[in-house]
Amino acid sequence: RDTDRIGYTPSTIRNGRRVTGYSGMVRSGKRANLTVVTRTRADCLLFDGRRAAGVRVRQGTVARHIAARREVIVCAGAVETPLLLERSGIGRPDVLRALGVPVRAESPNVGERLIEQRGLALQVRLKRGPSRHLFMETLNYFLNGQGFLSTAGYDVVCQFTSSPGISRPDIQGLFVPMALDTSSKDLKLAKHPGILFMGYPIRPSTFSTIHSSGKSPEDPPVIDAHFLETEKDRLAAAPVLDIARGVLGQGPVADMVAGEEFPGPVVTGAEASIRYSLETGTGIYHAVGSAAMGPAETDVVDARLRVRGVSGLRVADASVLPVQVSGNTAAPATAVGWRAGDFILAGE
């Protein structure tokens, strides 16, 4: 059932190392029908009329044309996919004209419905450290691939409702068994023990945009980021810190807490929590929607992941997801890839 829950973080870890899509499916075995080219960037898509015929890539200053026998599959992610489409003439006409790129296919929602989650962080300092020395944990990890260092970046994950009237969890929380050094401008671990909590609305509905700033893959994206602008998003984010404090304020963990390091008592209540998230919060690297699928002709891709306005071109990454999923995006992105493979094999 879709109810409040808490438990160990589901992770793709083997022998203490994370198993990615690449390490698990590509590097794990040789495939006669696969060539991996590194230090190479996709410049733009090549077309024969309205049909995608290949990709122009760059290896340093050298340009190469790679031809496609059947179709081109774009898997560049929620940030790079819309930029590649725009450099290839697929997108909003006004954006393409500003880039000096001829319009090949008018697709008004390329880069227009980017959705990202926004977190609120809380950290407490503990009175005493772990009983086992870090040296022993490090030794255990390198010798056996086990122990504290072999787990995910956060050990415990939870989903809960932001208010009693919500029918399903709308917040995800992460508990990290360590503290950050608040005196450092860089991301460093503190020398003292602590617990870092990060919570965020699971299914935000505020849209951002991302567009290309030039015709080269080296040109940076133009990102207009927005968070917590809808009433639904603000209502979900507002009580996150108070709920986390309630959890950490109960035994047995409460007896171990020496005090809250950030944000501290100055951030209390709905408006202060929302302001704190907007001013100091972070994205969760779960961006979706910048080349979203849907039934309308204005949606970038259809239900078979085919790019509208051209033929022989699909997108198979998180950019096609029109809404945030109820959790992280690694598994859904993998599922999109599997479905794309099914469509291609079936000739759909």
Protein backbone atom coordinates (compact mmCIF):
# COMPACT_ATOMS: atom_id res chain seq x y z
CA ARG A 1 0.00 0.00 0.00
CA ASP A 2 1.05 3.59 -0.62
CA THR A 3 1.39 4.56 3.04
CA ASP A 4 3.96 6.12 5.38
CA ARG A 5 7.06 3.95 5.59
CA ILE A 6 10.70 3.85 6.67
CA GLY A 7 13.50 1.37 6.07
CA TYR A 8 16.96 0.69 4.73
CA THR A 9 17.70 2.35 1.41
CA PRO A 10 17.22 0.07 -1.63
CA SER A 11 20.54 0.22 -3.46
CA THR A 12 22.25 -1.38 -6.43
CA ILE A 13 25.45 -2.26 -4.57
CA ARG A 14 27.61 -5.33 -5.08
CA ASN A 15 30.78 -6.06 -3.11
CA GLY A 16 30.70 -2.56 -1.69
CA ARG A 17 30.50 -0.77 -5.05
CA ARG A 18 27.52 0.79 -6.75
CA VAL A 19 26.32 -1.04 -9.85
CA THR A 20 25.29 1.48 -12.50
CA GLY A 21 23.50 0.88 -15.78
CA TYR A 22 26.85 1.07 -17.53
CA SER A 23 28.77 -1.25 -15.20
CA GLY A 24 25.92 -3.73 -14.94
CA MET A 25 24.83 -3.93 -18.58
CA VAL A 26 27.64 -2.63 -20.76
CA ARG A 27 31.01 -3.11 -19.10
CA SER A 28 30.04 -6.50 -17.70
CA GLY A 29 30.39 -8.26 -21.06
CA LYS A 30 31.51 -7.74 -24.65
CA ARG A 31 28.78 -7.15 -27.22
CA ALA A 32 29.46 -7.46 -30.92
CA ASN A 33 26.74 -4.93 -31.71
CA LEU A 34 27.97 -2.24 -29.34
CA THR A 35 30.79 0.29 -29.67
CA VAL A 36 31.56 2.64 -26.78
CA VAL A 37 33.29 5.86 -27.76
CA THR A 38 34.72 8.02 -24.95
CA ARG A 39 35.80 11.68 -24.81
CA THR A 40 33.21 12.41 -27.46
CA ARG A 41 30.32 14.89 -27.47
CA ALA A 42 27.18 14.84 -29.57
CA ASP A 43 27.13 18.03 -31.64
CA CYS A 44 23.80 17.69 -33.45
CA LEU A 45 21.53 15.16 -35.13
CA LEU A 46 21.79 14.58 -38.87
CA PHE A 47 18.72 14.29 -41.09
CA ASP A 48 17.75 13.01 -44.47
CA GLY A 49 14.71 15.15 -45.11
CA ARG A 50 12.49 14.65 -42.08
CA ARG A 51 14.14 11.42 -41.01
CA ALA A 52 16.97 11.23 -38.48
CA ALA A 53 19.94 9.71 -40.29
CA GLY A 54 22.74 9.93 -37.74
CA VAL A 55 24.71 12.09 -35.32
CA ARG A 56 27.57 14.52 -35.76
CA VAL A 57 30.01 14.14 -32.88
CA ARG A 58 33.19 15.86 -31.82
CA GLN A 59 36.35 14.26 -30.50
CA GLY A 60 38.35 17.27 -29.47
CA THR A 61 38.53 19.44 -32.59
CA VAL A 62 37.73 16.56 -34.94
CA ALA A 63 34.14 16.16 -36.16
CA ARG A 64 32.75 12.78 -37.20
CA HIS A 65 29.47 11.72 -38.77
CA ILE A 66 27.95 8.50 -37.43
CA ALA A 67 25.20 7.10 -39.65
CA ALA A 68 22.14 5.28 -38.35
CA ARG A 69 20.76 2.32 -40.28
CA ARG A 70 17.35 2.29 -38.58
CA GLU A 71 16.89 5.11 -36.08
CA VAL A 72 18.65 7.37 -33.60
CA ILE A 73 18.07 6.97 -29.85
CA VAL A 74 18.86 10.00 -27.68
CA CYS A 75 19.71 9.20 -24.04
CA ALA A 76 21.40 12.40 -22.88
CA GLY A 77 19.29 13.07 -19.79
CA ALA A 78 16.95 15.83 -18.67
CA VAL A 79 19.63 18.52 -19.07
CA GLU A 80 21.43 17.58 -22.29
CA THR A 81 18.58 16.05 -24.33
CA PRO A 82 16.63 19.29 -24.89
CA LEU A 83 19.86 21.11 -25.77
CA LEU A 84 20.74 18.47 -28.38
CA LEU A 85 17.24 18.64 -29.84
CA GLU A 86 17.44 22.44 -30.07
CA ARG A 87 20.87 22.38 -31.71
CA SER A 88 19.31 19.99 -34.25
CA GLY A 89 16.40 22.30 -35.08
CA ILE A 90 13.71 20.74 -32.88
CA GLY A 91 12.08 23.07 -30.38
CA ARG A 92 10.42 26.42 -29.92
CA PRO A 93 10.82 28.56 -33.08
CA ASP A 94 11.76 31.70 -31.10
CA VAL A 95 14.48 29.83 -29.20
CA LEU A 96 15.86 28.28 -32.40
CA ARG A 97 15.87 31.62 -34.24
CA ALA A 98 17.81 33.22 -31.36
CA LEU A 99 20.39 30.43 -31.74
CA GLY A 100 20.59 30.87 -35.49
CA VAL A 101 19.34 27.30 -36.00
CA PRO A 102 16.81 26.63 -38.80
CA VAL A 103 13.52 25.19 -37.57
CA ARG A 104 13.25 21.56 -38.57
CA ALA A 105 10.32 20.65 -36.33
CA GLU A 106 8.29 23.00 -34.18
CA SER A 107 8.06 21.45 -30.73
CA PRO A 108 6.96 24.12 -28.23
CA ASN A 109 7.59 22.10 -25.06
CA VAL A 110 11.24 21.18 -25.61
CA GLY A 111 12.96 22.38 -22.42
CA GLU A 112 9.74 23.89 -21.10
CA ARG A 113 8.45 21.51 -18.43
CA LEU A 114 11.52 20.70 -16.39
CA ILE A 115 10.66 19.53 -12.87
CA GLU A 116 13.16 19.09 -10.03
CA GLN A 117 12.75 18.37 -6.34
CA ARG A 118 13.93 20.85 -3.72
CA GLY A 119 15.32 19.73 -0.39
CA LEU A 120 15.36 21.05 3.17
CA ALA A 121 18.36 19.99 5.24
CA LEU A 122 18.66 19.61 9.01
CA GLN A 123 21.72 18.46 10.96
CA VAL A 124 22.15 17.51 14.60
CA ARG A 125 25.34 16.92 16.55
CA LEU A 126 25.66 13.73 18.57
CA LYS A 127 27.15 13.50 22.05
CA ARG A 128 29.41 10.56 21.27
CA GLY A 129 30.88 8.90 18.23
CA PRO A 130 30.62 5.36 16.89
CA SER A 131 32.26 2.69 18.96
CA ARG A 132 34.18 1.28 16.01
CA HIS A 133 37.17 3.21 14.76
CA LEU A 134 37.11 4.63 11.24
CA PHE A 135 40.39 2.87 10.49
CA MET A 136 38.79 -0.52 11.11
CA GLU A 137 35.81 0.40 8.94
CA THR A 138 38.14 1.46 6.13
CA LEU A 139 40.12 -1.76 6.45
CA ASN A 140 36.93 -3.85 6.42
CA TYR A 141 35.75 -2.07 3.29
CA PHE A 142 38.95 -2.55 1.28
CA LEU A 143 39.48 -6.14 2.41
CA ASN A 144 35.90 -7.42 2.36
CA GLY A 145 33.76 -4.81 0.61
CA GLN A 146 31.58 -4.66 3.72
CA GLY A 147 30.74 -2.41 6.63
CA PHE A 148 29.68 1.19 7.02
CA LEU A 149 31.53 2.44 3.92
CA SER A 150 29.89 -0.14 1.65
CA THR A 151 26.38 1.24 2.15
CA ALA A 152 24.56 3.92 0.18
CA GLY A 153 25.17 7.63 0.68
CA TYR A 154 22.20 7.59 3.03
CA ASP A 155 21.33 4.47 5.00
CA VAL A 156 17.69 5.11 5.85
CA VAL A 157 14.91 6.42 3.62
CA CYS A 158 11.34 7.25 4.55
CA GLN A 159 8.17 8.50 2.94
CA PHE A 160 5.48 10.28 4.91
CA THR A 161 2.53 12.62 4.59
CA SER A 162 3.01 16.31 5.23
CA SER A 163 -0.42 16.57 6.90
CA PRO A 164 -3.04 14.12 8.22
CA GLY A 165 -5.46 14.85 5.36
CA ILE A 166 -3.11 13.63 2.61
CA SER A 167 -4.12 10.27 1.13
CA ARG A 168 -0.60 9.17 0.18
CA PRO A 169 2.97 10.13 1.15
CA ASP A 170 4.10 13.38 -0.44
CA ILE A 171 7.48 13.78 1.29
CA GLN A 172 10.65 11.69 1.07
CA GLY A 173 13.24 11.89 3.82
CA LEU A 174 16.84 10.70 3.90
CA PHE A 175 18.92 10.07 7.03
CA VAL A 176 22.71 10.23 6.65
CA PRO A 177 24.78 8.84 9.56
CA MET A 178 27.38 11.61 9.49
CA ALA A 179 27.72 15.36 9.81
CA LEU A 180 29.03 18.05 7.46
CA ASP A 181 31.63 20.58 8.56
CA THR A 182 29.62 23.80 8.89
CA SER A 183 32.76 25.94 9.17
CA SER A 184 34.03 24.95 5.72
CA LYS A 185 32.91 26.43 2.40
CA ASP A 186 33.72 23.10 0.76
CA LEU A 187 31.77 19.88 1.20
CA LYS A 188 33.71 18.22 4.03
CA LEU A 189 32.84 15.80 6.79
CA ALA A 190 32.82 17.14 10.32
CA LYS A 191 35.20 15.63 12.84
CA HIS A 192 32.35 15.14 15.29
CA PRO A 193 29.50 12.61 14.89
CA GLY A 194 26.08 13.69 13.73
CA ILE A 195 22.98 12.97 11.70
CA LEU A 196 22.12 14.81 8.50
CA PHE A 197 18.50 14.77 7.35
CA MET A 198 17.27 15.82 3.92
CA GLY A 199 13.56 16.01 3.12
CA TYR A 200 11.73 17.12 -0.03
CA PRO A 201 8.32 17.00 -1.73
CA ILE A 202 8.22 13.83 -3.85
CA ARG A 203 5.99 15.05 -6.66
CA PRO A 204 6.56 18.79 -7.13
CA SER A 205 4.42 20.57 -9.70
CA THR A 206 6.48 23.73 -10.26
CA PHE A 207 8.00 23.96 -13.74
CA SER A 208 11.45 25.26 -14.69
CA THR A 209 12.90 25.73 -18.16
CA ILE A 210 16.17 24.81 -19.82
CA HIS A 211 17.37 25.96 -23.24
CA SER A 212 20.56 26.08 -25.24
CA SER A 213 22.66 29.24 -25.31
CA GLY A 214 24.45 28.41 -28.57
CA LYS A 215 25.01 25.96 -31.38
CA SER A 216 27.99 24.24 -29.78
CA PRO A 217 27.74 21.44 -27.18
CA GLU A 218 30.25 23.44 -25.11
CA ASP A 219 27.79 26.34 -24.81
CA PRO A 220 26.24 26.28 -21.31
CA PRO A 221 22.51 25.79 -20.85
CA VAL A 222 20.22 28.64 -19.88
CA ILE A 223 18.33 27.35 -16.85
CA ASP A 224 15.45 29.29 -15.33
CA ALA A 225 14.94 27.37 -12.11
CA HIS A 226 11.73 27.58 -10.10
CA PHE A 227 10.75 25.78 -6.90
CA LEU A 228 7.83 25.70 -4.48
CA GLU A 229 5.70 28.11 -6.48
CA THR A 230 2.45 26.14 -6.42
CA GLU A 231 0.26 25.95 -3.34
CA LYS A 232 0.57 22.16 -3.37
CA ASP A 233 4.38 22.31 -3.28
CA ARG A 234 4.47 24.92 -0.53
CA LEU A 235 2.02 23.04 1.67
CA ALA A 236 4.11 19.89 1.31
CA ALA A 237 7.46 21.55 2.07
CA ALA A 238 6.33 23.73 4.97
CA PRO A 239 6.18 21.10 7.79
CA VAL A 240 9.19 18.98 6.74
CA LEU A 241 11.66 20.40 9.28
CA ASP A 242 9.23 20.22 12.18
CA ILE A 243 8.41 16.59 11.35
CA ALA A 244 12.13 15.73 11.22
CA ARG A 245 12.68 17.44 14.55
CA GLY A 246 9.85 15.41 16.00
CA VAL A 247 11.49 12.17 14.90
CA LEU A 248 14.93 13.12 16.20
CA GLY A 249 13.38 14.39 19.42
CA GLN A 250 12.12 10.94 20.42
CA GLY A 251 14.01 8.17 22.17
CA PRO A 252 16.34 6.48 21.88
CA VAL A 253 18.00 8.88 19.42
CA ALA A 254 16.99 11.95 21.42
CA ASP A 255 19.29 10.89 24.27
CA MET A 256 22.24 10.94 21.85
CA VAL A 257 21.57 14.41 20.38
CA ALA A 258 23.69 17.27 21.71
CA GLY A 259 21.94 19.95 19.66
CA GLU A 260 20.78 21.13 16.25
CA GLU A 261 23.56 22.61 14.10
CA PHE A 262 21.41 23.87 11.25
CA PRO A 263 19.12 25.48 10.42
CA GLY A 264 18.51 26.15 14.12
CA PRO A 265 15.57 27.71 15.99
CA VAL A 266 15.43 30.76 13.70
CA VAL A 267 13.82 28.55 11.04
CA THR A 268 10.49 27.51 12.48
CA GLY A 269 7.05 27.47 10.92
CA ALA A 270 5.76 27.32 7.37
CA GLU A 271 6.98 30.58 5.83
CA ALA A 272 10.43 30.39 7.42
CA SER A 273 10.86 26.79 6.25
CA ILE A 274 9.87 27.62 2.68
CA ARG A 275 12.19 30.64 2.65
CA TYR A 276 15.01 28.50 4.05
CA SER A 277 14.49 25.90 1.31
CA LEU A 278 14.52 28.51 -1.44
CA GLU A 279 17.56 30.35 -0.08
CA THR A 280 19.77 27.47 1.03
CA GLY A 281 18.17 24.29 -0.28
CA THR A 282 19.48 22.05 -2.99
CA GLY A 283 18.20 20.13 -5.96
CA ILE A 284 18.13 16.33 -5.65
CA TYR A 285 19.46 15.59 -9.18
CA HIS A 286 16.11 14.06 -10.14
CA ALA A 287 15.21 16.39 -13.01
CA VAL A 288 12.54 15.15 -15.44
CA GLY A 289 10.14 16.47 -18.04
CA SER A 290 12.28 18.59 -20.37
CA ALA A 291 11.27 16.42 -23.36
CA ALA A 292 8.08 15.05 -21.85
CA MET A 293 5.83 12.46 -23.42
CA GLY A 294 2.10 12.94 -23.73
CA PRO A 295 -0.93 12.50 -25.99
CA ALA A 296 -1.03 16.05 -27.36
CA GLU A 297 0.68 17.09 -30.58
CA THR A 298 2.56 19.72 -28.57
CA ASP A 299 4.14 17.05 -26.34
CA VAL A 300 7.74 16.32 -27.36
CA VAL A 301 7.47 12.53 -27.62
CA ASP A 302 4.58 10.11 -27.96
CA ALA A 303 3.82 6.97 -25.94
CA ARG A 304 6.42 5.03 -27.98
CA LEU A 305 9.08 7.67 -27.16
CA ARG A 306 9.13 8.89 -30.80
CA VAL A 307 9.93 12.56 -31.28
CA ARG A 308 7.01 14.33 -32.92
CA GLY A 309 7.58 16.26 -36.13
CA VAL A 310 10.34 13.97 -37.43
CA SER A 311 10.81 10.24 -37.95
CA GLY A 312 13.51 7.76 -36.95
CA LEU A 313 14.20 9.52 -33.66
CA ARG A 314 13.39 8.52 -30.08
CA VAL A 315 14.29 9.80 -26.63
CA ALA A 316 14.91 7.22 -23.90
CA ASP A 317 15.87 8.94 -20.65
CA ALA A 318 14.31 10.74 -17.67
CA SER A 319 13.52 13.81 -19.77
CA VAL A 320 10.47 12.00 -21.20
CA LEU A 321 8.80 11.56 -17.78
CA PRO A 322 5.99 14.17 -17.67
CA VAL A 323 5.75 14.15 -13.86
CA GLN A 324 8.01 13.29 -10.95
CA VAL A 325 7.80 9.68 -9.88
CA SER A 326 7.22 8.80 -6.21
CA GLY A 327 10.87 8.47 -5.31
CA ASN A 328 14.24 8.52 -7.05
CA THR A 329 14.74 8.47 -10.81
CA ALA A 330 17.41 5.79 -11.39
CA ALA A 331 14.96 2.88 -11.59
CA PRO A 332 12.39 4.75 -13.74
CA ALA A 333 15.13 5.85 -16.15
CA THR A 334 16.22 2.22 -16.47
CA ALA A 335 12.61 1.20 -17.07
CA VAL A 336 12.32 3.79 -19.84
CA GLY A 337 15.38 2.23 -21.47
CA TRP A 338 13.85 -1.26 -21.25
CA ARG A 339 10.60 -0.06 -22.80
CA ALA A 340 12.51 1.72 -25.57
CA GLY A 341 14.27 -1.55 -26.34
CA ASP A 342 10.91 -3.33 -26.54
CA PHE A 343 9.55 -0.71 -28.95
CA ILE A 344 12.63 -0.86 -31.17
CA LEU A 345 12.66 -4.67 -31.34
CA ALA A 346 8.94 -4.70 -32.14
CA GLY A 347 9.37 -2.05 -34.83
CA GLU A 348 6.80 0.19 -33.16
